[in-house]
Amino acid sequence: MAYRLNLRKKNLLVTIHVLSVIAWFGGAICMLLLGLYMQKAEDGEQLYYTLANMHLIDATLIRYPALVAFISGILLSVWTQWGLFKHYWVVIKFALTLFIILIGIFFLNNWLSFLLEHAALFGLGSFHHHQFQTTSLSLINVSLFNILAMALMTLITYFKPLGKIRKRS
């Protein structure tokens, strides 16, 4: 028989999960707002410090809370009646969370590093470079996607659509 959480441990793990998602969601909102603010920078210093703050938010309010949310979500699904691959809603949340985290690992950090280096070298003139423009817009789009994906996952958590995954005989 698989391990199951008692009510106290389950509530503690749910609390950790929800708080980490809140931090992650807040970080994504900050990234979107700062990304939009960055587009209106009036000088190179403002541009640089906006990007530096975005880099800090990525490192603190996105990276670690996302990891905690992912791990606690897996533990909640495995250690409760839901299971990791028993219900479509759990699989959808697992896949979306993994996808968002992989985007962050393979793109977001590199984009921020590129934008920061470019802003340090060229200041406000960075906006005259096509690669800077496309990367900054990609950053804004990914931030918006993260927010929408987390909102969708919240809805999925409450409505639990599509039911159980049926085993094929």
N, C-alpha and C. Protein backbone atom coordinates (compact mmCIF):
# COMPACT_ATOMS: atom_id res chain seq x y z
N MET A 1 0.84 -1.18 0.00
CA MET A 1 0.00 0.00 0.00
C MET A 1 0.89 1.25 0.00
N ALA A 2 0.51 2.21 -0.79
CA ALA A 2 1.28 3.44 -0.93
C ALA A 2 1.11 4.33 0.30
N TYR A 3 2.10 5.16 0.54
CA TYR A 3 2.07 6.10 1.66
C TYR A 3 0.97 7.13 1.44
N ARG A 4 0.21 7.44 2.48
CA ARG A 4 -0.82 8.48 2.43
C ARG A 4 -0.58 9.47 3.56
N LEU A 5 -0.79 10.73 3.26
CA LEU A 5 -0.62 11.78 4.27
C LEU A 5 -1.80 11.80 5.22
N ASN A 6 -1.53 12.03 6.51
CA ASN A 6 -2.64 12.28 7.41
C ASN A 6 -3.10 13.72 7.19
N LEU A 7 -4.22 14.10 7.78
CA LEU A 7 -4.82 15.41 7.51
C LEU A 7 -3.89 16.56 7.87
N ARG A 8 -3.22 16.47 9.00
CA ARG A 8 -2.32 17.55 9.44
C ARG A 8 -1.16 17.73 8.44
N LYS A 9 -0.54 16.64 8.02
CA LYS A 9 0.57 16.72 7.06
C LYS A 9 0.09 17.20 5.70
N LYS A 10 -1.10 16.73 5.30
CA LYS A 10 -1.65 17.16 4.02
C LYS A 10 -1.90 18.67 4.04
N ASN A 11 -2.50 19.16 5.11
CA ASN A 11 -2.78 20.60 5.21
C ASN A 11 -1.49 21.42 5.21
N LEU A 12 -0.46 20.93 5.87
CA LEU A 12 0.83 21.62 5.87
C LEU A 12 1.41 21.66 4.46
N LEU A 13 1.36 20.54 3.76
CA LEU A 13 1.89 20.48 2.39
C LEU A 13 1.07 21.34 1.44
N VAL A 14 -0.25 21.35 1.60
CA VAL A 14 -1.10 22.22 0.78
C VAL A 14 -0.76 23.69 1.04
N THR A 15 -0.53 24.05 2.30
CA THR A 15 -0.16 25.42 2.64
C THR A 15 1.15 25.82 1.98
N ILE A 16 2.14 24.94 2.06
CA ILE A 16 3.43 25.20 1.41
C ILE A 16 3.23 25.36 -0.09
N HIS A 17 2.43 24.49 -0.68
CA HIS A 17 2.17 24.52 -2.12
C HIS A 17 1.49 25.85 -2.52
N VAL A 18 0.45 26.21 -1.80
CA VAL A 18 -0.29 27.43 -2.14
C VAL A 18 0.58 28.67 -1.95
N LEU A 19 1.33 28.74 -0.86
CA LEU A 19 2.20 29.90 -0.64
C LEU A 19 3.28 30.02 -1.72
N SER A 20 3.82 28.89 -2.14
CA SER A 20 4.84 28.94 -3.20
C SER A 20 4.23 29.38 -4.53
N VAL A 21 3.01 28.93 -4.81
CA VAL A 21 2.33 29.36 -6.04
C VAL A 21 2.02 30.86 -5.98
N ILE A 22 1.60 31.34 -4.82
CA ILE A 22 1.33 32.77 -4.66
C ILE A 22 2.60 33.59 -4.93
N ALA A 23 3.72 33.16 -4.35
CA ALA A 23 4.99 33.87 -4.58
C ALA A 23 5.37 33.83 -6.05
N TRP A 24 5.23 32.68 -6.67
CA TRP A 24 5.55 32.50 -8.09
C TRP A 24 4.66 33.40 -8.95
N PHE A 25 3.36 33.39 -8.66
CA PHE A 25 2.40 34.21 -9.39
C PHE A 25 2.73 35.69 -9.23
N GLY A 26 3.05 36.10 -8.00
CA GLY A 26 3.44 37.49 -7.76
C GLY A 26 4.70 37.86 -8.52
N GLY A 27 5.66 36.95 -8.55
CA GLY A 27 6.88 37.18 -9.32
C GLY A 27 6.60 37.35 -10.80
N ALA A 28 5.69 36.53 -11.32
CA ALA A 28 5.34 36.62 -12.75
C ALA A 28 4.64 37.94 -13.05
N ILE A 29 3.77 38.38 -12.14
CA ILE A 29 3.11 39.68 -12.33
C ILE A 29 4.15 40.81 -12.29
N CYS A 30 5.08 40.74 -11.35
CA CYS A 30 6.15 41.75 -11.29
C CYS A 30 6.96 41.76 -12.58
N MET A 31 7.27 40.58 -13.10
CA MET A 31 8.05 40.51 -14.35
C MET A 31 7.28 41.17 -15.50
N LEU A 32 5.99 40.92 -15.57
CA LEU A 32 5.19 41.53 -16.63
C LEU A 32 5.16 43.06 -16.47
N LEU A 33 4.88 43.52 -15.27
CA LEU A 33 4.80 44.97 -15.05
C LEU A 33 6.14 45.65 -15.28
N LEU A 34 7.22 45.06 -14.79
CA LEU A 34 8.55 45.65 -15.02
C LEU A 34 8.95 45.56 -16.49
N GLY A 35 8.53 44.50 -17.18
CA GLY A 35 8.80 44.39 -18.61
C GLY A 35 8.12 45.51 -19.39
N LEU A 36 6.88 45.81 -19.01
CA LEU A 36 6.16 46.91 -19.66
C LEU A 36 6.78 48.26 -19.27
N TYR A 37 7.18 48.39 -18.02
CA TYR A 37 7.84 49.61 -17.54
C TYR A 37 9.16 49.83 -18.28
N MET A 38 9.89 48.74 -18.49
CA MET A 38 11.18 48.80 -19.18
C MET A 38 11.02 49.40 -20.58
N GLN A 39 9.91 49.10 -21.24
CA GLN A 39 9.68 49.61 -22.59
C GLN A 39 9.58 51.13 -22.62
N LYS A 40 9.26 51.73 -21.48
CA LYS A 40 9.10 53.19 -21.39
C LYS A 40 10.29 53.87 -20.70
N ALA A 41 11.40 53.16 -20.57
CA ALA A 41 12.58 53.72 -19.89
C ALA A 41 12.98 55.04 -20.55
N GLU A 42 13.35 55.99 -19.71
CA GLU A 42 13.72 57.32 -20.20
C GLU A 42 15.22 57.52 -20.33
N ASP A 43 16.00 56.66 -19.68
CA ASP A 43 17.45 56.74 -19.83
C ASP A 43 18.05 55.35 -19.59
N GLY A 44 19.33 55.22 -19.90
CA GLY A 44 20.00 53.94 -19.80
C GLY A 44 20.07 53.39 -18.38
N GLU A 45 20.20 54.29 -17.42
CA GLU A 45 20.28 53.86 -16.02
C GLU A 45 18.95 53.24 -15.57
N GLN A 46 17.85 53.87 -15.94
CA GLN A 46 16.52 53.34 -15.60
C GLN A 46 16.32 51.98 -16.26
N LEU A 47 16.72 51.86 -17.50
CA LEU A 47 16.61 50.59 -18.22
C LEU A 47 17.42 49.51 -17.53
N TYR A 48 18.66 49.82 -17.19
CA TYR A 48 19.54 48.84 -16.57
C TYR A 48 18.99 48.38 -15.21
N TYR A 49 18.58 49.32 -14.37
CA TYR A 49 18.11 48.95 -13.04
C TYR A 49 16.77 48.22 -13.08
N THR A 50 15.95 48.53 -14.07
CA THR A 50 14.70 47.76 -14.24
C THR A 50 15.03 46.32 -14.58
N LEU A 51 15.96 46.12 -15.51
CA LEU A 51 16.37 44.76 -15.88
C LEU A 51 17.07 44.05 -14.73
N ALA A 52 17.86 44.78 -13.95
CA ALA A 52 18.53 44.17 -12.80
C ALA A 52 17.49 43.69 -11.77
N ASN A 53 16.45 44.48 -11.58
CA ASN A 53 15.37 44.06 -10.67
C ASN A 53 14.62 42.85 -11.22
N MET A 54 14.41 42.82 -12.52
CA MET A 54 13.76 41.66 -13.13
C MET A 54 14.61 40.41 -12.93
N HIS A 55 15.91 40.56 -13.07
CA HIS A 55 16.82 39.43 -12.87
C HIS A 55 16.74 38.94 -11.42
N LEU A 56 16.68 39.87 -10.48
CA LEU A 56 16.56 39.53 -9.06
C LEU A 56 15.23 38.81 -8.78
N ILE A 57 14.16 39.30 -9.36
CA ILE A 57 12.85 38.67 -9.17
C ILE A 57 12.86 37.26 -9.75
N ASP A 58 13.48 37.10 -10.91
CA ASP A 58 13.58 35.76 -11.50
C ASP A 58 14.32 34.81 -10.56
N ALA A 59 15.39 35.30 -9.97
CA ALA A 59 16.22 34.45 -9.10
C ALA A 59 15.57 34.16 -7.76
N THR A 60 14.68 35.03 -7.29
CA THR A 60 14.12 34.84 -5.94
C THR A 60 12.64 34.51 -5.93
N LEU A 61 11.82 35.26 -6.65
CA LEU A 61 10.37 35.07 -6.60
C LEU A 61 9.82 34.15 -7.68
N ILE A 62 10.66 33.70 -8.57
CA ILE A 62 10.18 32.79 -9.60
C ILE A 62 10.86 31.43 -9.49
N ARG A 63 12.16 31.41 -9.53
CA ARG A 63 12.90 30.15 -9.59
C ARG A 63 12.59 29.21 -8.42
N TYR A 64 12.80 29.66 -7.21
CA TYR A 64 12.64 28.78 -6.05
C TYR A 64 11.18 28.49 -5.72
N PRO A 65 10.30 29.48 -5.74
CA PRO A 65 8.89 29.14 -5.52
C PRO A 65 8.34 28.17 -6.58
N ALA A 66 8.79 28.30 -7.83
CA ALA A 66 8.34 27.37 -8.87
C ALA A 66 8.79 25.96 -8.55
N LEU A 67 10.02 25.82 -8.11
CA LEU A 67 10.55 24.50 -7.74
C LEU A 67 9.79 23.92 -6.55
N VAL A 68 9.52 24.73 -5.54
CA VAL A 68 8.77 24.27 -4.37
C VAL A 68 7.34 23.88 -4.78
N ALA A 69 6.71 24.68 -5.64
CA ALA A 69 5.35 24.37 -6.11
C ALA A 69 5.34 23.06 -6.89
N PHE A 70 6.33 22.86 -7.73
CA PHE A 70 6.42 21.64 -8.53
C PHE A 70 6.60 20.41 -7.64
N ILE A 71 7.55 20.47 -6.73
CA ILE A 71 7.83 19.33 -5.85
C ILE A 71 6.65 19.06 -4.92
N SER A 72 6.11 20.11 -4.31
CA SER A 72 4.98 19.91 -3.40
C SER A 72 3.74 19.42 -4.15
N GLY A 73 3.56 19.86 -5.39
CA GLY A 73 2.45 19.36 -6.21
C GLY A 73 2.58 17.88 -6.51
N ILE A 74 3.79 17.46 -6.83
CA ILE A 74 4.03 16.03 -7.07
C ILE A 74 3.76 15.23 -5.80
N LEU A 75 4.28 15.70 -4.68
CA LEU A 75 4.08 15.00 -3.41
C LEU A 75 2.60 14.94 -3.04
N LEU A 76 1.88 16.03 -3.24
CA LEU A 76 0.44 16.03 -2.95
C LEU A 76 -0.31 15.04 -3.82
N SER A 77 0.05 14.97 -5.08
CA SER A 77 -0.66 14.04 -5.96
C SER A 77 -0.32 12.59 -5.63
N VAL A 78 0.93 12.31 -5.34
CA VAL A 78 1.36 10.93 -5.06
C VAL A 78 0.88 10.47 -3.69
N TRP A 79 0.90 11.35 -2.70
CA TRP A 79 0.57 10.97 -1.33
C TRP A 79 -0.89 11.19 -0.96
N THR A 80 -1.74 11.48 -1.93
CA THR A 80 -3.18 11.59 -1.68
C THR A 80 -3.91 10.68 -2.67
N GLN A 81 -5.22 10.70 -2.61
CA GLN A 81 -6.02 9.82 -3.47
C GLN A 81 -5.97 10.21 -4.94
N TRP A 82 -5.47 11.39 -5.26
CA TRP A 82 -5.50 11.86 -6.64
C TRP A 82 -4.52 11.12 -7.54
N GLY A 83 -3.35 10.83 -7.06
CA GLY A 83 -2.35 10.16 -7.89
C GLY A 83 -1.81 11.09 -8.96
N LEU A 84 -0.63 10.79 -9.45
CA LEU A 84 0.01 11.65 -10.45
C LEU A 84 -0.57 11.44 -11.85
N PHE A 85 -0.99 10.21 -12.15
CA PHE A 85 -1.50 9.93 -13.50
C PHE A 85 -2.87 9.25 -13.46
N LYS A 86 -3.68 9.55 -12.45
CA LYS A 86 -5.02 8.97 -12.34
C LYS A 86 -6.11 9.90 -12.89
N HIS A 87 -5.85 11.21 -12.85
CA HIS A 87 -6.85 12.20 -13.25
C HIS A 87 -6.24 13.16 -14.26
N TYR A 88 -7.05 13.51 -15.26
CA TYR A 88 -6.56 14.41 -16.31
C TYR A 88 -6.13 15.76 -15.74
N TRP A 89 -6.86 16.29 -14.78
CA TRP A 89 -6.55 17.62 -14.27
C TRP A 89 -5.17 17.65 -13.61
N VAL A 90 -4.79 16.56 -12.96
CA VAL A 90 -3.47 16.51 -12.32
C VAL A 90 -2.38 16.46 -13.39
N VAL A 91 -2.61 15.67 -14.42
CA VAL A 91 -1.63 15.54 -15.51
C VAL A 91 -1.47 16.88 -16.24
N ILE A 92 -2.58 17.58 -16.46
CA ILE A 92 -2.52 18.88 -17.14
C ILE A 92 -1.71 19.87 -16.30
N LYS A 93 -1.96 19.91 -15.00
CA LYS A 93 -1.20 20.81 -14.12
C LYS A 93 0.27 20.43 -14.08
N PHE A 94 0.55 19.15 -14.02
CA PHE A 94 1.94 18.67 -14.01
C PHE A 94 2.65 19.11 -15.29
N ALA A 95 2.01 18.88 -16.44
CA ALA A 95 2.63 19.21 -17.73
C ALA A 95 2.82 20.72 -17.88
N LEU A 96 1.81 21.51 -17.51
CA LEU A 96 1.94 22.97 -17.63
C LEU A 96 3.03 23.52 -16.71
N THR A 97 3.07 23.01 -15.48
CA THR A 97 4.09 23.46 -14.54
C THR A 97 5.48 23.12 -15.05
N LEU A 98 5.65 21.89 -15.51
CA LEU A 98 6.94 21.47 -16.05
C LEU A 98 7.33 22.33 -17.26
N PHE A 99 6.37 22.60 -18.14
CA PHE A 99 6.62 23.41 -19.32
C PHE A 99 7.07 24.83 -18.95
N ILE A 100 6.37 25.45 -18.00
CA ILE A 100 6.73 26.80 -17.57
C ILE A 100 8.13 26.82 -16.95
N ILE A 101 8.42 25.82 -16.13
CA ILE A 101 9.74 25.75 -15.50
C ILE A 101 10.84 25.56 -16.54
N LEU A 102 10.59 24.71 -17.53
CA LEU A 102 11.59 24.49 -18.58
C LEU A 102 11.82 25.75 -19.42
N ILE A 103 10.76 26.50 -19.68
CA ILE A 103 10.93 27.78 -20.37
C ILE A 103 11.84 28.70 -19.56
N GLY A 104 11.62 28.74 -18.26
CA GLY A 104 12.46 29.56 -17.38
C GLY A 104 13.90 29.12 -17.40
N ILE A 105 14.11 27.80 -17.33
CA ILE A 105 15.48 27.27 -17.30
C ILE A 105 16.22 27.55 -18.61
N PHE A 106 15.56 27.26 -19.73
CA PHE A 106 16.26 27.32 -21.01
C PHE A 106 16.20 28.68 -21.71
N PHE A 107 15.28 29.55 -21.31
CA PHE A 107 15.15 30.83 -22.01
C PHE A 107 15.21 32.05 -21.11
N LEU A 108 14.36 32.11 -20.11
CA LEU A 108 14.17 33.32 -19.32
C LEU A 108 15.47 33.87 -18.73
N ASN A 109 16.23 33.03 -18.08
CA ASN A 109 17.48 33.50 -17.46
C ASN A 109 18.47 34.00 -18.52
N ASN A 110 18.57 33.29 -19.64
CA ASN A 110 19.47 33.72 -20.72
C ASN A 110 19.01 35.05 -21.32
N TRP A 111 17.70 35.19 -21.51
CA TRP A 111 17.18 36.44 -22.05
C TRP A 111 17.49 37.60 -21.13
N LEU A 112 17.26 37.40 -19.84
CA LEU A 112 17.53 38.48 -18.88
C LEU A 112 19.01 38.84 -18.86
N SER A 113 19.87 37.84 -18.90
CA SER A 113 21.31 38.11 -18.91
C SER A 113 21.70 38.89 -20.16
N PHE A 114 21.17 38.49 -21.31
CA PHE A 114 21.45 39.20 -22.56
C PHE A 114 20.98 40.65 -22.48
N LEU A 115 19.75 40.85 -22.02
CA LEU A 115 19.20 42.21 -21.94
C LEU A 115 20.00 43.08 -20.98
N LEU A 116 20.39 42.51 -19.87
CA LEU A 116 21.18 43.25 -18.87
C LEU A 116 22.54 43.66 -19.43
N GLU A 117 23.22 42.73 -20.08
CA GLU A 117 24.53 43.04 -20.68
C GLU A 117 24.39 44.11 -21.76
N HIS A 118 23.35 43.97 -22.57
CA HIS A 118 23.11 44.92 -23.66
C HIS A 118 22.82 46.31 -23.11
N ALA A 119 21.99 46.37 -22.06
CA ALA A 119 21.66 47.67 -21.44
C ALA A 119 22.89 48.30 -20.80
N ALA A 120 23.77 47.48 -20.24
CA ALA A 120 25.00 48.00 -19.63
C ALA A 120 25.92 48.59 -20.70
N LEU A 121 25.96 47.96 -21.87
CA LEU A 121 26.84 48.42 -22.95
C LEU A 121 26.27 49.61 -23.72
N PHE A 122 24.98 49.54 -24.06
CA PHE A 122 24.40 50.51 -24.98
C PHE A 122 23.38 51.45 -24.35
N GLY A 123 23.01 51.21 -23.10
CA GLY A 123 22.03 52.06 -22.44
C GLY A 123 20.71 52.07 -23.19
N LEU A 124 20.12 53.24 -23.30
CA LEU A 124 18.84 53.39 -23.98
C LEU A 124 18.94 53.07 -25.47
N GLY A 125 20.15 53.16 -26.01
CA GLY A 125 20.37 52.80 -27.41
C GLY A 125 20.11 51.33 -27.70
N SER A 126 19.97 50.53 -26.66
CA SER A 126 19.68 49.11 -26.82
C SER A 126 18.40 48.89 -27.62
N PHE A 127 17.45 49.81 -27.46
CA PHE A 127 16.17 49.66 -28.16
C PHE A 127 16.30 49.80 -29.67
N HIS A 128 17.45 50.28 -30.14
CA HIS A 128 17.69 50.39 -31.58
C HIS A 128 18.18 49.07 -32.17
N HIS A 129 18.48 48.11 -31.32
CA HIS A 129 18.95 46.80 -31.78
C HIS A 129 17.78 45.82 -31.84
N HIS A 130 17.62 45.21 -32.98
CA HIS A 130 16.49 44.29 -33.22
C HIS A 130 16.46 43.15 -32.20
N GLN A 131 17.61 42.55 -31.91
CA GLN A 131 17.67 41.43 -30.98
C GLN A 131 17.21 41.84 -29.58
N PHE A 132 17.55 43.03 -29.16
CA PHE A 132 17.11 43.54 -27.86
C PHE A 132 15.60 43.70 -27.83
N GLN A 133 15.05 44.26 -28.89
CA GLN A 133 13.59 44.46 -28.97
C GLN A 133 12.85 43.13 -28.93
N THR A 134 13.28 42.18 -29.75
CA THR A 134 12.57 40.89 -29.80
C THR A 134 12.72 40.12 -28.49
N THR A 135 13.89 40.19 -27.89
CA THR A 135 14.09 39.49 -26.62
C THR A 135 13.26 40.11 -25.51
N SER A 136 13.19 41.43 -25.46
CA SER A 136 12.39 42.08 -24.41
C SER A 136 10.90 41.78 -24.61
N LEU A 137 10.44 41.73 -25.85
CA LEU A 137 9.05 41.36 -26.10
C LEU A 137 8.78 39.90 -25.77
N SER A 138 9.75 39.04 -26.05
CA SER A 138 9.61 37.63 -25.68
C SER A 138 9.49 37.48 -24.17
N LEU A 139 10.25 38.26 -23.44
CA LEU A 139 10.21 38.24 -21.98
C LEU A 139 8.82 38.65 -21.47
N ILE A 140 8.26 39.68 -22.06
CA ILE A 140 6.92 40.14 -21.68
C ILE A 140 5.89 39.06 -22.02
N ASN A 141 6.00 38.48 -23.20
CA ASN A 141 5.05 37.44 -23.61
C ASN A 141 5.12 36.21 -22.72
N VAL A 142 6.32 35.80 -22.35
CA VAL A 142 6.48 34.65 -21.46
C VAL A 142 5.91 34.96 -20.08
N SER A 143 6.11 36.17 -19.60
CA SER A 143 5.53 36.57 -18.31
C SER A 143 4.01 36.49 -18.36
N LEU A 144 3.43 36.99 -19.42
CA LEU A 144 1.98 36.93 -19.59
C LEU A 144 1.51 35.47 -19.69
N PHE A 145 2.24 34.66 -20.44
CA PHE A 145 1.90 33.23 -20.55
C PHE A 145 1.95 32.56 -19.18
N ASN A 146 2.97 32.85 -18.39
CA ASN A 146 3.08 32.27 -17.04
C ASN A 146 1.87 32.63 -16.20
N ILE A 147 1.47 33.88 -16.23
CA ILE A 147 0.32 34.34 -15.44
C ILE A 147 -0.94 33.61 -15.89
N LEU A 148 -1.16 33.55 -17.20
CA LEU A 148 -2.35 32.88 -17.72
C LEU A 148 -2.34 31.39 -17.41
N ALA A 149 -1.18 30.75 -17.53
CA ALA A 149 -1.07 29.32 -17.23
C ALA A 149 -1.35 29.05 -15.76
N MET A 150 -0.82 29.90 -14.87
CA MET A 150 -1.08 29.69 -13.43
C MET A 150 -2.55 29.96 -13.09
N ALA A 151 -3.17 30.93 -13.75
CA ALA A 151 -4.60 31.18 -13.54
C ALA A 151 -5.41 29.98 -14.02
N LEU A 152 -5.04 29.44 -15.18
CA LEU A 152 -5.72 28.24 -15.70
C LEU A 152 -5.54 27.06 -14.75
N MET A 153 -4.34 26.88 -14.22
CA MET A 153 -4.11 25.78 -13.29
C MET A 153 -4.92 25.95 -12.01
N THR A 154 -5.13 27.19 -11.59
CA THR A 154 -5.97 27.43 -10.41
C THR A 154 -7.41 27.03 -10.70
N LEU A 155 -7.91 27.41 -11.87
CA LEU A 155 -9.27 27.00 -12.26
C LEU A 155 -9.38 25.48 -12.35
N ILE A 156 -8.38 24.85 -12.94
CA ILE A 156 -8.38 23.39 -13.07
C ILE A 156 -8.42 22.73 -11.69
N THR A 157 -7.70 23.30 -10.74
CA THR A 157 -7.68 22.74 -9.38
C THR A 157 -9.08 22.72 -8.77
N TYR A 158 -9.85 23.76 -9.00
CA TYR A 158 -11.18 23.84 -8.39
C TYR A 158 -12.25 23.11 -9.17
N PHE A 159 -12.17 23.08 -10.49
CA PHE A 159 -13.21 22.44 -11.29
C PHE A 159 -12.91 20.99 -11.64
N LYS A 160 -11.65 20.59 -11.58
CA LYS A 160 -11.22 19.21 -11.85
C LYS A 160 -11.91 18.61 -13.09
N PRO A 161 -11.64 19.20 -14.25
CA PRO A 161 -12.33 18.75 -15.47
C PRO A 161 -11.80 17.41 -16.01
N LEU A 162 -12.57 16.82 -16.87
CA LEU A 162 -12.23 15.64 -17.67
C LEU A 162 -12.20 14.32 -16.91
N GLY A 163 -12.32 14.34 -15.62
CA GLY A 163 -12.45 13.11 -14.85
C GLY A 163 -11.19 12.27 -14.77
N LYS A 164 -11.43 10.97 -14.53
CA LYS A 164 -10.33 10.03 -14.36
C LYS A 164 -9.78 9.56 -15.70
N ILE A 165 -8.53 9.19 -15.68
CA ILE A 165 -7.90 8.59 -16.86
C ILE A 165 -8.27 7.11 -16.84
N ARG A 166 -8.88 6.66 -17.90
CA ARG A 166 -9.32 5.26 -17.97
C ARG A 166 -8.17 4.39 -18.45
N LYS A 167 -8.02 3.27 -17.77
CA LYS A 167 -6.98 2.32 -18.17
C LYS A 167 -7.49 1.51 -19.35
N ARG A 168 -6.63 1.36 -20.34
CA ARG A 168 -6.99 0.56 -21.52
C ARG A 168 -6.72 -0.90 -21.24
N SER A 169 -7.64 -1.73 -21.66
CA SER A 169 -7.47 -3.17 -21.42
C SER A 169 -6.70 -3.86 -22.51
